[in-house]
Protein backbone atom coordinates (compact mmCIF):
# COMPACT_ATOMS: atom_id res chain seq x y z
CA MET A 1 0.00 0.00 0.00
CA THR A 2 2.74 2.47 0.91
CA THR A 3 4.52 1.71 -2.37
CA ASN A 4 1.55 3.20 -4.22
CA ILE A 5 1.95 6.39 -2.21
CA ASN A 6 5.57 6.75 -3.28
CA ILE A 7 5.00 5.75 -6.93
CA GLU A 8 2.00 7.91 -7.77
CA GLU A 9 2.32 11.65 -7.89
CA ASP A 10 -0.29 13.84 -6.17
CA ASP A 11 -1.54 15.25 -9.46
CA GLU A 12 -2.17 11.76 -10.83
CA ILE A 13 -4.09 10.79 -7.69
CA ILE A 14 -6.18 13.97 -7.88
CA LYS A 15 -6.99 13.29 -11.54
CA LYS A 16 -8.09 9.77 -10.60
CA CYS A 17 -10.36 11.19 -7.85
CA LEU A 18 -11.84 13.71 -10.25
CA SER A 19 -12.52 10.98 -12.81
CA GLY A 20 -14.55 9.02 -10.26
CA GLU A 21 -11.97 6.86 -8.46
CA ILE A 22 -12.82 8.31 -5.05
CA GLU A 23 -10.89 5.57 -3.23
CA ALA A 24 -7.67 7.13 -4.56
CA PHE A 25 -8.11 10.08 -2.18
CA ARG A 26 -7.22 7.73 0.66
CA TYR A 27 -3.58 7.80 -0.55
CA LEU A 28 -3.45 11.57 -0.14
CA VAL A 29 -4.93 11.30 3.36
CA GLU A 30 -2.39 8.65 4.35
CA LYS A 31 0.46 10.64 2.83
CA TYR A 32 -0.34 13.96 4.52
CA GLN A 33 -2.42 13.24 7.62
CA ILE A 34 0.46 13.47 10.12
CA ARG A 35 1.66 16.79 8.65
CA ILE A 36 -1.87 18.20 8.64
CA ILE A 37 -2.55 17.07 12.22
CA ASN A 38 0.73 18.75 13.26
CA THR A 39 -0.30 21.94 11.46
CA CYS A 40 -3.71 21.92 13.17
CA PHE A 41 -2.08 21.19 16.53
CA LYS A 42 -0.04 24.41 16.26
CA TYR A 43 -3.33 26.29 16.37
CA THR A 44 -5.57 24.15 18.57
CA LYS A 45 -2.87 23.23 21.16
CA ASN A 46 -4.84 20.02 21.76
CA LEU A 47 -4.33 16.70 19.96
CA VAL A 48 -7.99 15.64 20.04
CA ASP A 49 -9.07 18.98 18.57
CA ALA A 50 -6.22 18.84 16.04
CA GLU A 51 -7.37 15.41 14.85
CA ASP A 52 -10.97 16.64 14.55
CA VAL A 53 -9.89 19.73 12.62
CA ALA A 54 -7.60 17.62 10.39
CA GLN A 55 -10.55 15.39 9.54
CA GLU A 56 -12.53 18.49 8.59
CA VAL A 57 -9.57 19.66 6.47
CA PHE A 58 -9.58 16.46 4.44
CA LEU A 59 -13.35 16.57 4.04
CA ARG A 60 -13.15 20.15 2.77
CA ALA A 61 -10.26 19.28 0.48
CA TYR A 62 -12.18 16.37 -0.97
CA ASP A 63 -15.36 18.42 -1.40
CA ASN A 64 -13.39 21.18 -3.16
CA LEU A 65 -11.01 18.99 -5.13
CA ASN A 66 -12.50 20.22 -8.40
CA ASN A 67 -11.30 23.73 -7.40
CA PHE A 68 -7.69 22.59 -7.12
CA LYS A 69 -5.54 24.31 -9.73
CA PHE A 70 -2.67 22.16 -10.84
CA ASP A 71 -0.33 25.18 -10.90
CA SER A 72 0.69 24.64 -7.26
CA LYS A 73 1.60 21.68 -5.10
CA PHE A 74 -1.31 19.81 -3.59
CA TYR A 75 0.26 20.02 -0.14
CA SER A 76 0.45 23.85 -0.35
CA TRP A 77 -3.24 23.96 -1.19
CA LEU A 78 -4.06 21.48 1.59
CA TYR A 79 -1.91 23.43 4.06
CA ARG A 80 -3.89 26.64 3.36
CA ILE A 81 -7.12 24.75 3.98
CA ALA A 82 -5.66 23.42 7.25
CA VAL A 83 -4.65 26.88 8.47
CA ASN A 84 -8.02 28.44 7.57
CA THR A 85 -9.98 25.56 9.10
CA SER A 86 -7.86 25.74 12.27
CA LEU A 87 -8.39 29.50 12.58
CA ASN A 88 -12.12 29.12 12.04
CA TYR A 89 -12.21 26.37 14.66
CA ILE A 90 -10.39 28.57 17.18
CA ASN A 91 -12.63 31.54 16.43
CA SER A 92 -15.82 29.49 16.74
CA LYS A 93 -14.55 27.91 19.96
CA GLU A 94 -13.78 31.36 21.39
CA LYS A 95 -17.15 32.63 20.25
CA ARG A 96 -18.88 29.68 21.95
CA LYS A 97 -16.96 30.41 25.16
CA GLU A 98 -17.92 34.07 24.90
CA LYS A 99 -21.59 33.17 24.41
CA GLU A 100 -21.48 30.72 27.30
CA THR A 101 -19.93 33.40 29.50
CA ILE A 102 -22.54 35.93 28.48
CA SER A 103 -25.26 33.33 29.02
CA ASP A 104 -23.86 32.41 32.44
CA GLU A 105 -23.62 36.08 33.41
CA SER A 106 -27.14 36.79 32.25
CA CYS A 107 -28.39 33.86 34.32
CA LEU A 108 -26.62 35.27 37.35
CA ASN A 109 -28.06 38.71 36.72
CA ASN A 110 -31.46 37.45 35.69
CA SER A 111 -33.09 38.26 39.02
CA SER A 112 -32.06 41.90 38.83
CA THR A 113 -32.99 42.37 35.16
CA SER A 114 -36.43 40.89 35.52
CA SER A 115 -37.39 43.28 38.30
CA ASP A 116 -40.11 44.91 36.19
CA ASN A 117 -38.66 48.27 37.14
CA PRO A 118 -39.92 50.85 34.60
CA SER A 119 -36.71 52.84 35.09
CA ASP A 120 -34.65 49.87 33.81
CA TYR A 121 -36.87 49.57 30.77
CA TYR A 122 -36.55 53.25 29.88
CA GLN A 123 -32.78 53.16 30.40
CA MET A 124 -32.57 50.27 27.94
CA ILE A 125 -34.74 52.12 25.41
CA GLU A 126 -32.56 55.20 25.87
CA LEU A 127 -29.42 53.14 25.29
CA ILE A 128 -30.90 51.60 22.12
CA ASP A 129 -31.88 55.06 20.91
CA LYS A 130 -28.29 56.25 21.39
CA VAL A 131 -26.50 53.21 19.94
CA GLY A 132 -28.82 52.75 16.93
CA PRO A 133 -27.77 55.97 15.18
CA LEU A 134 -24.09 55.23 15.92
CA PHE A 135 -24.49 51.91 14.13
CA ASP A 136 -26.42 53.56 11.29
CA ASN A 137 -23.64 56.13 10.83
CA LEU A 138 -21.02 53.48 10.16
CA PRO A 139 -19.91 53.10 6.54
CA ASP A 140 -22.12 50.55 4.76
CA ASP A 141 -19.35 47.95 4.38
CA LEU A 142 -18.56 48.03 8.11
CA LYS A 143 -22.23 48.02 9.06
CA LYS A 144 -22.86 44.94 6.89
CA LEU A 145 -19.83 43.19 8.39
CA LEU A 146 -20.92 43.84 11.98
CA GLU A 147 -24.43 42.74 11.16
CA LEU A 148 -23.24 39.43 9.65
CA TYR A 149 -20.85 38.72 12.52
CA GLU A 150 -22.72 39.99 15.58
CA ILE A 151 -26.36 39.54 14.61
CA TYR A 152 -26.39 36.65 12.15
CA ASP A 153 -23.47 34.83 13.81
CA TYR A 154 -21.49 34.24 10.59
CA SER A 155 -17.91 32.96 10.96
CA TYR A 156 -14.98 34.89 9.49
CA GLU A 157 -14.81 32.36 6.66
CA GLU A 158 -18.53 32.67 5.88
CA ILE A 159 -18.28 36.46 5.81
CA SER A 160 -15.18 36.22 3.64
CA LYS A 161 -17.04 34.10 1.10
CA LYS A 162 -20.25 36.14 1.23
CA LEU A 163 -18.49 39.49 0.76
CA SER A 164 -15.67 38.15 -1.45
CA VAL A 165 -12.89 39.56 0.73
CA PRO A 166 -9.94 37.81 2.42
CA ILE A 167 -10.36 36.62 6.02
CA GLY A 168 -7.66 39.08 7.15
CA THR A 169 -9.72 41.93 5.70
CA VAL A 170 -12.79 40.66 7.57
CA ARG A 171 -10.84 40.73 10.85
CA SER A 172 -9.36 44.19 10.29
CA ARG A 173 -12.69 45.70 9.21
CA LEU A 174 -14.48 44.18 12.21
CA HIS A 175 -11.83 45.67 14.46
CA ARG A 176 -12.20 49.06 12.75
CA ALA A 177 -16.01 48.93 13.02
CA ARG A 178 -15.89 48.11 16.73
CA SER A 179 -13.30 50.82 17.35
CA MET A 180 -15.46 53.38 15.56
CA LEU A 181 -18.54 52.37 17.57
CA ILE A 182 -16.64 52.53 20.87
CA SER A 183 -15.08 55.87 19.99
CA ASN A 184 -18.43 57.34 18.92
CA PHE A 185 -20.10 55.94 22.02
CA LYS A 186 -17.43 57.51 24.25
CA ASP A 187 -17.85 60.83 22.44
CA LEU A 188 -21.58 60.60 23.08
CA TYR A 189 -21.02 60.26 26.83
CA ASP A 190 -18.30 62.92 26.96
CA GLU A 191 -20.74 65.53 25.64
């Protein structure tokens, strides 16, 4: 079995997969799985997570094999998928932790927020009235980005695909949008 891995080139295996010999993809998995798990481990810092992410990497690679351009090495293409999948995994894991923390905090504070105090209600309405225009005054591209990320819970990768911009651009624009909101909010309270 391992002799086939050494004899056949990656491009030949990919062409076989694309022509319907799906079993051939197994050779690519066997050839690169240790390297991909190691790559994922650099990001996840946990072997179990790294193995899970690596499995996702190979699934994505297989699903997108028809998008592979034969002008680069297969491993380079696979490595990029591994890095992006690892980053998305980390981001979604952090987002889940953040949501759990917020959920836990809201449970702790639930007794005070459900006090039916009209003053609390009007303070919330006042806050919404102040923040709404700040959000509306953001440039359209930043507003759309914040909406996708914060309201619709899209991942960086999903936003990147939807808006046709690199993931790094998504991150930097989200940071800029948040900074603008915070700055404008502070200015509002300094007045």
